[in-house]
Amino acid sequence: MQQNTRHTAHQHRIVVVGAGYTGASAAGRLAARLHREDVSITLVNAEPDFVERVRLHQLAVGQNLLPRPLDAMFAGTGVRLRLARVTGIDVDARTVTVTPPEAPAGSGAEDIPYDTLVYALGSAWNTHGVPGVEEHAHDIAGRAGALRLRDRLADLAPGSPVAVVGGGLTGVEAATELAEARPDLAVSLISRGPLGDWLSPKGARHLRKVFAGLRITVHENTDVTAVHADRATTTGGDVPAEATLWTTGFAVHPIVRATTLETAEDGQITVDATMRSTSHPDVYAIGDAARAAGPGGKPLRMSCASGVPSAWQAADAIAARLTGTKLPTVSARYFNQCVSLGRREGLIQYVTADDRAVSAALTGRPAALYLYKELVCKTAAWGVAHPTLSLPTRRHRLTTERARAGAGAPTA
C-alpha cells in the first residue's frame, strides 16, 4: 500500500472515491500536477485491483484477465490507496465515511476529511424495476456479477438456453462473446428496438452477419416484463432462459441521493464544464456519476470513452484552481465506438462529435478488427497507469491561501 509523503500543516487534502477508469486516472493525474509537500491524495476503493470493466464479458465466459494491482500502479506516485467501502458522504461537513471491505454493515466506520472531493463511484446495473430481475438475472456491471455469471454458465448443460436482455453495446458484446465461447448453448438476445439501430446501415448489416454466423436468436422490438428462474416473459411471449443476463443500461450509485448535492433526475451529479459540482464547489464528479454536457449540450453517455476525458478535465481544473494556473478549456467529444464481437470479430463505428453514427464503419479483416479493439482496451488500461500519457509534467506549488481555501475558491 502506497503511503503519503511528508505532511505539512497546510497540506490540501484531496480524496478520490472510486478507482475505476475515471477515479484512478484522476488520482494519478493530480499526483503528477501537484507538489507532494502541498497536497495529500487519498484514493478510496473497495477492491485491491483495477478492474477493466470493458472486459467483464470476457471474464464472465471463463477467460482470465491480467491482474492489475492498484498498489503497484500507484507505487512511487505519492497517492495513498485506502482499501475501504464508501458508506456515506457529508458534503457539508466535508467528510467521507468508509468501512473495511469485509466488515459487517455499520461496523468499523471511519470518517475521512477532505478539502476537495473527487466523486468517481461510477454506476451499477439498472433493473428498471422489472419484476424478477434482482432475484433471477445476472449482471456484468462489476467483477462480482461477472464471476457469479461465470459460475452459473459453468453449470449449464449443452443445449441450455441463455438470454441476454438489452441491445446496446454491452448486450451485443456479451451475446457474441458468450455464443463464441459456448457454442453448445442456445444464446438469444432481446432488444427493445431493432438490432444495431444505433449503428450506421453498414455497421448494422455487419452486426447481423456476425449474429447469424454465431447462431444467436434475436428478439427485436421486444420488451421484457418479468424475469423468472427458467425464462424471461416478454411482450412477444416467453423466452426460455436457464440464465438471464440483464444489460439494459446503468444506474448511478445511490449514495449520492443521501447528500445535498444537486443532481439530475437520474441521480447524476450536475457539474459545470470543469466537472465541478454546481451546488458544492469543493466537489468534482466524473465518469458515470456526472451529468456533464458534451457537444451541442447533449449529456455525455455513461462510457469509458467520455469518462476518462472527464477525469483529466477535473484533475487539471483542480490543479489549476489550487495553483493559479490556466483552467483547461478542452471539451469532451466522441470519435468512434469500438465493438468487440467475440475474440475473432469486431466493428469500429465512426461517429460525430456528439456520438451519432456516420456512414463510415470499419468491418474489414476479423484479425485487424480484433487487434484494433484490443489496442483500445489496452490503451485504456495503460492510460490509467499513465494519466499524463508519459508526457513531461511539472508539479506546481500551492499558495497557502489557495491551499486553505480549497479548489472551490476562488472561482474562475
Protein backbone atom coordinates (compact mmCIF):
# COMPACT_ATOMS: atom_id res chain seq x y z
CA MET A 1 0.00 0.00 0.00
CA GLN A 2 1.43 3.32 -1.12
CA GLN A 3 1.73 5.85 1.72
CA ASN A 4 1.75 9.61 1.54
CA THR A 5 4.92 11.59 1.67
CA ARG A 6 5.58 14.13 4.45
CA HIS A 7 2.52 16.06 5.65
CA THR A 8 2.60 19.78 6.39
CA ALA A 9 0.32 21.98 8.44
CA HIS A 10 -1.31 23.45 5.34
CA GLN A 11 -1.43 20.34 3.19
CA HIS A 12 -4.54 20.32 0.99
CA ARG A 13 -6.48 17.08 1.38
CA ILE A 14 -7.82 15.57 -1.84
CA VAL A 15 -9.95 12.44 -1.54
CA VAL A 16 -10.90 10.44 -4.65
CA VAL A 17 -13.63 7.84 -4.13
CA GLY A 18 -13.67 5.02 -6.65
CA ALA A 19 -10.69 3.60 -8.56
CA GLY A 20 -12.23 2.65 -11.86
CA TYR A 21 -11.09 4.17 -15.14
CA THR A 22 -12.05 7.69 -14.04
CA GLY A 23 -11.08 7.72 -10.36
CA ALA A 24 -7.72 6.08 -10.90
CA SER A 25 -6.96 8.40 -13.83
CA ALA A 26 -7.87 11.49 -11.81
CA ALA A 27 -5.77 10.47 -8.81
CA GLY A 28 -2.71 9.77 -10.92
CA ARG A 29 -3.07 12.97 -12.91
CA LEU A 30 -3.45 15.07 -9.75
CA ALA A 31 -0.30 13.47 -8.32
CA ALA A 32 1.56 14.45 -11.49
CA ARG A 33 0.28 18.03 -11.43
CA LEU A 34 0.67 18.99 -7.74
CA HIS A 35 3.67 19.12 -5.42
CA ARG A 36 3.70 16.32 -2.86
CA GLU A 37 4.56 18.60 0.04
CA ASP A 38 1.45 20.68 -0.63
CA VAL A 39 -1.24 18.02 -1.06
CA SER A 40 -2.28 14.63 0.23
CA ILE A 41 -4.14 12.45 -2.27
CA THR A 42 -6.15 9.52 -0.92
CA LEU A 43 -7.73 7.05 -3.32
CA VAL A 44 -10.54 5.00 -1.74
CA ASN A 45 -11.58 1.72 -3.34
CA ALA A 46 -13.18 -1.47 -2.07
CA GLU A 47 -11.03 -3.79 -4.21
CA PRO A 48 -7.22 -4.02 -4.33
CA ASP A 49 -7.12 -4.46 -8.12
CA PHE A 50 -8.03 -2.20 -11.00
CA VAL A 51 -10.98 -3.76 -12.84
CA GLU A 52 -11.13 -3.48 -16.62
CA ARG A 53 -14.87 -3.04 -16.85
CA VAL A 54 -14.88 -3.13 -20.64
CA ARG A 55 -13.59 -6.72 -20.45
CA LEU A 56 -16.03 -8.14 -17.90
CA HIS A 57 -17.97 -10.03 -20.58
CA GLN A 58 -14.73 -11.90 -21.24
CA LEU A 59 -14.40 -12.75 -17.55
CA ALA A 60 -18.00 -13.96 -17.46
CA VAL A 61 -17.43 -16.56 -20.19
CA GLY A 62 -14.38 -18.05 -18.50
CA GLN A 63 -11.43 -16.05 -19.77
CA ASN A 64 -8.80 -14.93 -17.27
CA LEU A 65 -7.93 -11.24 -17.15
CA LEU A 66 -4.49 -9.85 -16.36
CA PRO A 67 -4.33 -8.78 -12.69
CA ARG A 68 -3.65 -5.05 -12.22
CA PRO A 69 -2.94 -4.36 -8.50
CA LEU A 70 -3.66 -0.74 -7.60
CA ASP A 71 -0.75 -0.50 -5.16
CA ALA A 72 1.66 -1.40 -7.97
CA MET A 73 0.02 1.09 -10.34
CA PHE A 74 0.46 3.94 -7.86
CA ALA A 75 3.82 2.95 -6.41
CA GLY A 76 6.07 5.98 -6.11
CA THR A 77 3.37 8.49 -7.06
CA GLY A 78 2.52 9.74 -3.57
CA VAL A 79 -1.09 8.56 -3.91
CA ARG A 80 -2.27 6.77 -0.78
CA LEU A 81 -4.50 3.78 -1.50
CA ARG A 82 -7.19 3.18 1.11
CA LEU A 83 -9.00 -0.16 0.76
CA ALA A 84 -12.48 0.51 2.07
CA ARG A 85 -16.14 0.74 1.10
CA VAL A 86 -17.66 4.20 0.92
CA THR A 87 -20.84 4.13 3.01
CA GLY A 88 -21.63 7.83 3.32
CA ILE A 89 -20.64 11.32 2.24
CA ASP A 90 -21.35 14.53 4.16
CA VAL A 91 -20.68 17.32 1.70
CA ASP A 92 -21.47 19.97 4.30
CA ALA A 93 -19.03 18.60 6.89
CA ARG A 94 -16.60 17.62 4.10
CA THR A 95 -16.17 14.01 5.20
CA VAL A 96 -16.33 10.60 3.55
CA THR A 97 -17.47 7.69 5.74
CA VAL A 98 -15.77 4.38 5.00
CA THR A 99 -15.76 0.86 6.42
CA PRO A 100 -13.36 -2.05 5.87
CA PRO A 101 -14.31 -4.01 2.72
CA GLU A 102 -15.34 -7.16 4.59
CA ALA A 103 -16.78 -5.53 7.71
CA PRO A 104 -20.46 -6.15 8.59
CA ALA A 105 -22.81 -3.29 7.78
CA GLY A 106 -22.50 -0.46 10.31
CA SER A 107 -19.25 -1.64 11.92
CA GLY A 108 -15.76 -0.20 11.72
CA ALA A 109 -16.92 3.11 10.26
CA GLU A 110 -14.42 5.97 9.98
CA ASP A 111 -14.67 9.49 8.61
CA ILE A 112 -12.04 10.78 6.18
CA PRO A 113 -11.97 14.60 5.99
CA TYR A 114 -11.32 16.36 2.71
CA ASP A 115 -10.78 19.80 1.26
CA THR A 116 -11.54 18.64 -2.27
CA LEU A 117 -13.56 15.55 -3.14
CA VAL A 118 -13.46 13.77 -6.49
CA TYR A 119 -16.53 11.54 -6.74
CA ALA A 120 -15.98 8.59 -9.09
CA LEU A 121 -18.06 5.74 -7.71
CA GLY A 122 -19.49 5.08 -11.15
CA SER A 123 -22.60 3.06 -11.82
CA ALA A 124 -24.23 -0.34 -11.42
CA TRP A 125 -26.83 -2.22 -13.41
CA ASN A 126 -30.26 -0.68 -13.88
CA THR A 127 -33.13 -3.11 -13.25
CA HIS A 128 -35.76 -0.51 -14.27
CA GLY A 129 -37.98 -2.04 -11.60
CA VAL A 130 -38.79 -5.07 -13.76
CA PRO A 131 -40.10 -7.93 -11.56
CA GLY A 132 -37.68 -10.78 -11.00
CA VAL A 133 -34.55 -9.07 -12.31
CA GLU A 134 -32.83 -8.72 -8.93
CA GLU A 135 -33.79 -12.25 -7.91
CA HIS A 136 -33.08 -14.17 -11.11
CA ALA A 137 -30.98 -12.13 -13.56
CA HIS A 138 -27.21 -11.64 -13.74
CA ASP A 139 -25.18 -8.50 -14.43
CA ILE A 140 -21.67 -7.72 -15.63
CA ALA A 141 -21.52 -4.15 -14.35
CA GLY A 142 -18.91 -5.24 -11.82
CA ARG A 143 -16.40 -8.01 -11.21
CA ALA A 144 -18.57 -9.77 -8.61
CA GLY A 145 -21.51 -10.01 -11.01
CA ALA A 146 -19.32 -11.29 -13.83
CA LEU A 147 -17.92 -14.01 -11.59
CA ARG A 148 -21.42 -15.08 -10.48
CA LEU A 149 -22.47 -15.39 -14.11
CA ARG A 150 -19.27 -17.31 -14.85
CA ASP A 151 -20.17 -19.89 -12.18
CA ARG A 152 -23.73 -20.17 -13.46
CA LEU A 153 -22.64 -20.70 -17.07
CA ALA A 154 -20.18 -23.38 -15.99
CA ASP A 155 -23.08 -25.36 -14.51
CA LEU A 156 -25.23 -25.29 -17.64
CA ALA A 157 -25.59 -28.44 -19.71
CA PRO A 158 -25.21 -28.39 -23.51
CA GLY A 159 -28.30 -27.05 -25.22
CA SER A 160 -29.33 -24.88 -22.28
CA PRO A 161 -30.93 -21.58 -23.27
CA VAL A 162 -29.31 -18.30 -22.21
CA ALA A 163 -30.93 -14.90 -22.77
CA VAL A 164 -29.17 -11.54 -22.96
CA VAL A 165 -31.55 -8.63 -22.35
CA GLY A 166 -30.52 -5.32 -23.94
CA GLY A 167 -29.48 -4.49 -27.49
CA GLY A 168 -26.91 -1.82 -26.68
CA LEU A 169 -23.14 -2.08 -26.70
CA THR A 170 -22.87 -4.20 -23.53
CA GLY A 171 -25.58 -6.64 -24.63
CA VAL A 172 -24.16 -7.07 -28.12
CA GLU A 173 -20.63 -7.68 -26.84
CA ALA A 174 -21.83 -10.10 -24.17
CA ALA A 175 -24.06 -12.11 -26.51
CA THR A 176 -21.36 -12.57 -29.16
CA GLU A 177 -18.67 -13.37 -26.61
CA LEU A 178 -20.92 -15.97 -24.99
CA ALA A 179 -22.04 -17.55 -28.26
CA GLU A 180 -18.45 -17.86 -29.47
CA ALA A 181 -17.08 -19.23 -26.19
CA ARG A 182 -20.01 -21.60 -25.60
CA PRO A 183 -21.37 -22.75 -28.96
CA ASP A 184 -23.08 -25.59 -27.11
CA LEU A 185 -25.56 -23.14 -25.53
CA ALA A 186 -28.65 -21.65 -27.19
CA VAL A 187 -27.98 -17.91 -26.92
CA SER A 188 -30.66 -15.31 -27.60
CA LEU A 189 -30.70 -11.52 -27.40
CA ILE A 190 -33.81 -9.50 -26.55
CA SER A 191 -33.76 -5.92 -27.81
CA ARG A 192 -36.30 -3.16 -27.28
CA GLY A 193 -35.58 -1.82 -30.78
CA PRO A 194 -34.14 -3.22 -34.00
CA LEU A 195 -30.75 -4.91 -33.68
CA GLY A 196 -27.98 -2.36 -34.11
CA ASP A 197 -30.33 0.61 -34.52
CA TRP A 198 -27.61 2.82 -33.02
CA LEU A 199 -25.19 1.88 -35.81
CA SER A 200 -24.87 3.00 -39.41
CA PRO A 201 -26.54 0.78 -42.05
CA LYS A 202 -23.14 -0.73 -42.85
CA GLY A 203 -22.43 -1.39 -39.19
CA ALA A 204 -25.87 -2.89 -38.59
CA ARG A 205 -25.51 -5.23 -41.58
CA HIS A 206 -22.16 -6.47 -40.28
CA LEU A 207 -23.63 -6.99 -36.82
CA ARG A 208 -26.47 -9.10 -38.23
CA LYS A 209 -23.97 -11.13 -40.25
CA VAL A 210 -21.94 -11.92 -37.12
CA PHE A 211 -25.05 -12.79 -35.12
CA ALA A 212 -26.20 -15.15 -37.86
CA GLY A 213 -22.79 -16.82 -38.00
CA LEU A 214 -22.84 -17.38 -34.24
CA ARG A 215 -26.44 -18.64 -34.41
CA ILE A 216 -27.74 -16.07 -31.93
CA THR A 217 -31.54 -15.81 -31.91
CA VAL A 218 -32.68 -12.18 -31.90
CA HIS A 219 -35.99 -10.94 -30.49
CA GLU A 220 -36.32 -7.39 -31.82
CA ASN A 221 -38.77 -4.65 -30.83
CA THR A 222 -39.47 -6.61 -27.68
CA ASP A 223 -39.73 -5.53 -24.04
CA VAL A 224 -39.07 -7.82 -21.10
CA THR A 225 -41.83 -7.56 -18.49
CA ALA A 226 -40.59 -10.13 -15.96
CA VAL A 227 -37.67 -12.49 -15.34
CA HIS A 228 -38.06 -15.97 -13.87
CA ALA A 229 -35.58 -18.70 -12.97
CA ASP A 230 -36.16 -20.52 -16.27
CA ARG A 231 -37.48 -17.85 -18.67
CA ALA A 232 -37.97 -14.21 -19.49
CA THR A 233 -41.52 -13.00 -20.04
CA THR A 234 -41.72 -10.52 -22.91
CA THR A 235 -44.29 -8.58 -24.89
CA GLY A 236 -43.88 -11.29 -27.55
CA GLY A 237 -44.23 -14.27 -25.22
CA ASP A 238 -41.89 -16.29 -23.00
CA VAL A 239 -38.24 -16.75 -23.96
CA PRO A 240 -36.60 -19.82 -22.32
CA ALA A 241 -33.53 -18.94 -20.24
CA GLU A 242 -31.65 -21.03 -17.71
CA ALA A 243 -29.53 -17.92 -17.21
CA THR A 244 -30.57 -14.34 -17.99
CA LEU A 245 -28.02 -11.54 -18.39
CA TRP A 246 -29.50 -8.07 -17.85
CA THR A 247 -27.71 -5.27 -19.77
CA THR A 248 -30.35 -2.55 -20.18
CA GLY A 249 -28.22 0.39 -19.09
CA PHE A 250 -26.62 1.68 -15.90
CA ALA A 251 -27.82 3.44 -12.77
CA VAL A 252 -25.63 5.71 -10.66
CA HIS A 253 -24.58 4.75 -7.14
CA PRO A 254 -27.46 5.50 -4.74
CA ILE A 255 -25.18 7.08 -2.12
CA VAL A 256 -25.49 10.48 -3.81
CA ARG A 257 -29.22 10.71 -3.12
CA ALA A 258 -28.50 10.86 0.61
CA THR A 259 -26.40 14.01 0.16
CA THR A 260 -27.33 17.64 -0.51
CA LEU A 261 -25.55 17.64 -3.87
CA GLU A 262 -27.54 18.96 -6.79
CA THR A 263 -28.40 16.08 -9.10
CA ALA A 264 -30.27 15.34 -12.31
CA GLU A 265 -33.43 13.26 -12.28
CA ASP A 266 -31.46 10.01 -12.63
CA GLY A 267 -29.17 10.81 -9.69
CA GLN A 268 -26.15 12.01 -11.66
CA ILE A 269 -24.34 14.93 -10.05
CA THR A 270 -24.79 18.10 -12.11
CA VAL A 271 -21.44 19.66 -12.98
CA ASP A 272 -20.06 22.59 -14.97
CA ALA A 273 -17.57 22.44 -17.84
CA THR A 274 -14.72 21.68 -15.42
CA MET A 275 -16.63 18.78 -13.80
CA ARG A 276 -17.20 20.80 -10.61
CA SER A 277 -20.49 20.35 -8.76
CA THR A 278 -22.97 23.11 -9.46
CA SER A 279 -24.01 23.17 -5.80
CA HIS A 280 -20.79 22.38 -3.90
CA PRO A 281 -17.62 23.89 -5.45
CA ASP A 282 -15.30 21.65 -3.40
CA VAL A 283 -16.80 18.53 -5.03
CA TYR A 284 -15.99 17.26 -8.53
CA ALA A 285 -17.88 14.40 -10.18
CA ILE A 286 -16.50 12.38 -13.09
CA GLY A 287 -17.46 9.47 -15.28
CA ASP A 288 -20.86 7.80 -14.97
CA ALA A 289 -21.59 9.74 -11.78
CA ALA A 290 -21.63 13.13 -13.53
CA ARG A 291 -24.28 14.87 -15.64
CA ALA A 292 -21.93 16.70 -17.96
CA ALA A 293 -22.75 18.45 -21.21
CA GLY A 294 -20.97 17.32 -24.35
CA PRO A 295 -21.01 18.75 -27.87
CA GLY A 296 -24.28 20.52 -28.63
CA GLY A 297 -25.28 20.44 -24.97
CA LYS A 298 -26.12 16.72 -25.18
CA PRO A 299 -25.29 14.86 -21.92
CA LEU A 300 -22.25 12.62 -22.19
CA ARG A 301 -23.21 8.96 -22.14
CA MET A 302 -22.02 6.58 -19.45
CA SER A 303 -18.89 5.12 -21.03
CA CYS A 304 -15.13 4.81 -20.74
CA ALA A 305 -14.86 6.99 -23.85
CA SER A 306 -16.31 10.01 -22.05
CA GLY A 307 -15.31 9.05 -18.50
CA VAL A 308 -11.54 9.24 -18.86
CA PRO A 309 -11.56 12.68 -20.54
CA SER A 310 -13.83 13.92 -17.73
CA ALA A 311 -11.27 12.67 -15.20
CA TRP A 312 -8.49 14.57 -16.96
CA GLN A 313 -10.66 17.69 -17.11
CA ALA A 314 -11.44 17.56 -13.38
CA ALA A 315 -7.86 16.86 -12.32
CA ASP A 316 -6.48 19.68 -14.45
CA ALA A 317 -9.17 22.08 -13.20
CA ILE A 318 -8.45 21.24 -9.56
CA ALA A 319 -4.73 21.71 -10.09
CA ALA A 320 -5.30 24.98 -11.92
CA ARG A 321 -7.53 26.43 -9.22
CA LEU A 322 -5.14 25.43 -6.45
CA THR A 323 -2.05 26.78 -8.15
CA GLY A 324 -3.39 29.78 -10.04
CA THR A 325 -2.57 28.36 -13.46
CA LYS A 326 -4.79 28.43 -16.55
CA LEU A 327 -8.05 26.48 -16.41
CA PRO A 328 -8.46 23.71 -19.03
CA THR A 329 -10.80 24.50 -21.91
CA VAL A 330 -10.80 21.26 -23.87
CA SER A 331 -14.30 19.81 -24.25
CA ALA A 332 -15.04 16.08 -24.46
CA ARG A 333 -16.11 14.70 -27.83
CA TYR A 334 -16.54 11.32 -29.49
CA PHE A 335 -14.70 9.80 -32.45
CA ASN A 336 -15.80 6.17 -32.74
CA GLN A 337 -17.41 3.25 -30.98
CA CYS A 338 -15.29 0.10 -30.74
CA VAL A 339 -17.40 -3.04 -30.51
CA SER A 340 -15.87 -6.46 -29.83
CA LEU A 341 -17.92 -9.32 -31.29
CA GLY A 342 -16.15 -12.25 -29.71
CA ARG A 343 -12.41 -12.86 -29.99
CA ARG A 344 -12.33 -13.09 -33.80
CA GLU A 345 -14.66 -10.32 -34.95
CA GLY A 346 -15.31 -6.67 -34.29
CA LEU A 347 -16.75 -3.42 -35.51
CA ILE A 348 -15.46 0.15 -35.47
CA GLN A 349 -18.34 2.59 -35.92
CA TYR A 350 -17.28 6.16 -36.62
CA VAL A 351 -19.45 8.85 -35.04
CA THR A 352 -19.93 12.60 -34.92
CA ALA A 353 -18.62 14.69 -32.03
CA ASP A 354 -21.96 14.23 -30.24
CA ASP A 355 -21.93 10.43 -30.75
CA ARG A 356 -24.23 9.98 -33.77
CA ALA A 357 -23.25 7.24 -36.21
CA VAL A 358 -21.96 8.28 -39.61
CA SER A 359 -21.88 6.09 -42.70
CA ALA A 360 -18.25 5.05 -42.24
CA ALA A 361 -17.57 1.85 -40.31
CA LEU A 362 -14.56 -0.45 -40.22
CA THR A 363 -15.60 -4.05 -40.86
CA GLY A 364 -12.57 -5.45 -42.64
CA ARG A 365 -10.49 -8.47 -41.76
CA PRO A 366 -11.58 -10.01 -38.45
CA ALA A 367 -7.99 -10.16 -37.19
CA ALA A 368 -7.47 -6.44 -37.87
CA LEU A 369 -10.71 -5.56 -36.08
CA TYR A 370 -9.75 -7.69 -33.13
CA LEU A 371 -6.36 -6.03 -32.91
CA TYR A 372 -7.96 -2.56 -33.15
CA LYS A 373 -10.37 -3.31 -30.30
CA GLU A 374 -7.61 -4.91 -28.26
CA LEU A 375 -5.46 -1.83 -28.77
CA VAL A 376 -8.27 0.38 -27.47
CA CYS A 377 -8.76 -1.79 -24.37
CA LYS A 378 -5.05 -1.98 -23.63
CA THR A 379 -4.65 1.76 -24.19
CA ALA A 380 -7.46 2.48 -21.74
CA ALA A 381 -5.79 0.41 -19.02
CA TRP A 382 -2.37 1.85 -19.82
CA GLY A 383 -3.79 5.36 -19.63
CA VAL A 384 -4.94 4.78 -16.05
CA ALA A 385 -1.39 3.98 -15.00
CA HIS A 386 -0.01 6.81 -17.18
CA PRO A 387 -2.56 9.65 -16.73
CA THR A 388 -0.38 12.25 -18.44
CA LEU A 389 0.35 9.84 -21.33
CA SER A 390 4.02 9.74 -20.26
CA LEU A 391 4.50 13.36 -21.33
CA PRO A 392 6.78 15.53 -19.18
CA THR A 393 4.90 17.34 -16.43
CA ARG A 394 5.66 19.83 -13.73
CA ARG A 395 4.33 19.60 -10.18
CA HIS A 396 3.12 23.08 -9.29
CA ARG A 397 3.24 24.54 -5.80
CA LEU A 398 0.18 25.72 -3.93
CA THR A 399 -0.01 29.08 -2.21
CA THR A 400 -1.00 28.93 1.45
CA GLU A 401 -4.16 30.93 0.78
CA ARG A 402 -5.28 28.65 -2.00
CA ALA A 403 -4.46 25.52 -0.03
CA ARG A 404 -6.64 26.73 2.81
CA ALA A 405 -9.44 27.92 0.54
CA GLY A 406 -9.66 24.71 -1.46
CA ALA A 407 -10.26 24.01 -5.14
CA GLY A 408 -13.68 25.61 -4.93
CA ALA A 409 -12.27 29.12 -4.48
CA PRO A 410 -11.55 31.44 -5.99
CA THR A 411 -13.99 30.84 -8.79
CA ALA A 412 -12.94 31.10 -12.39
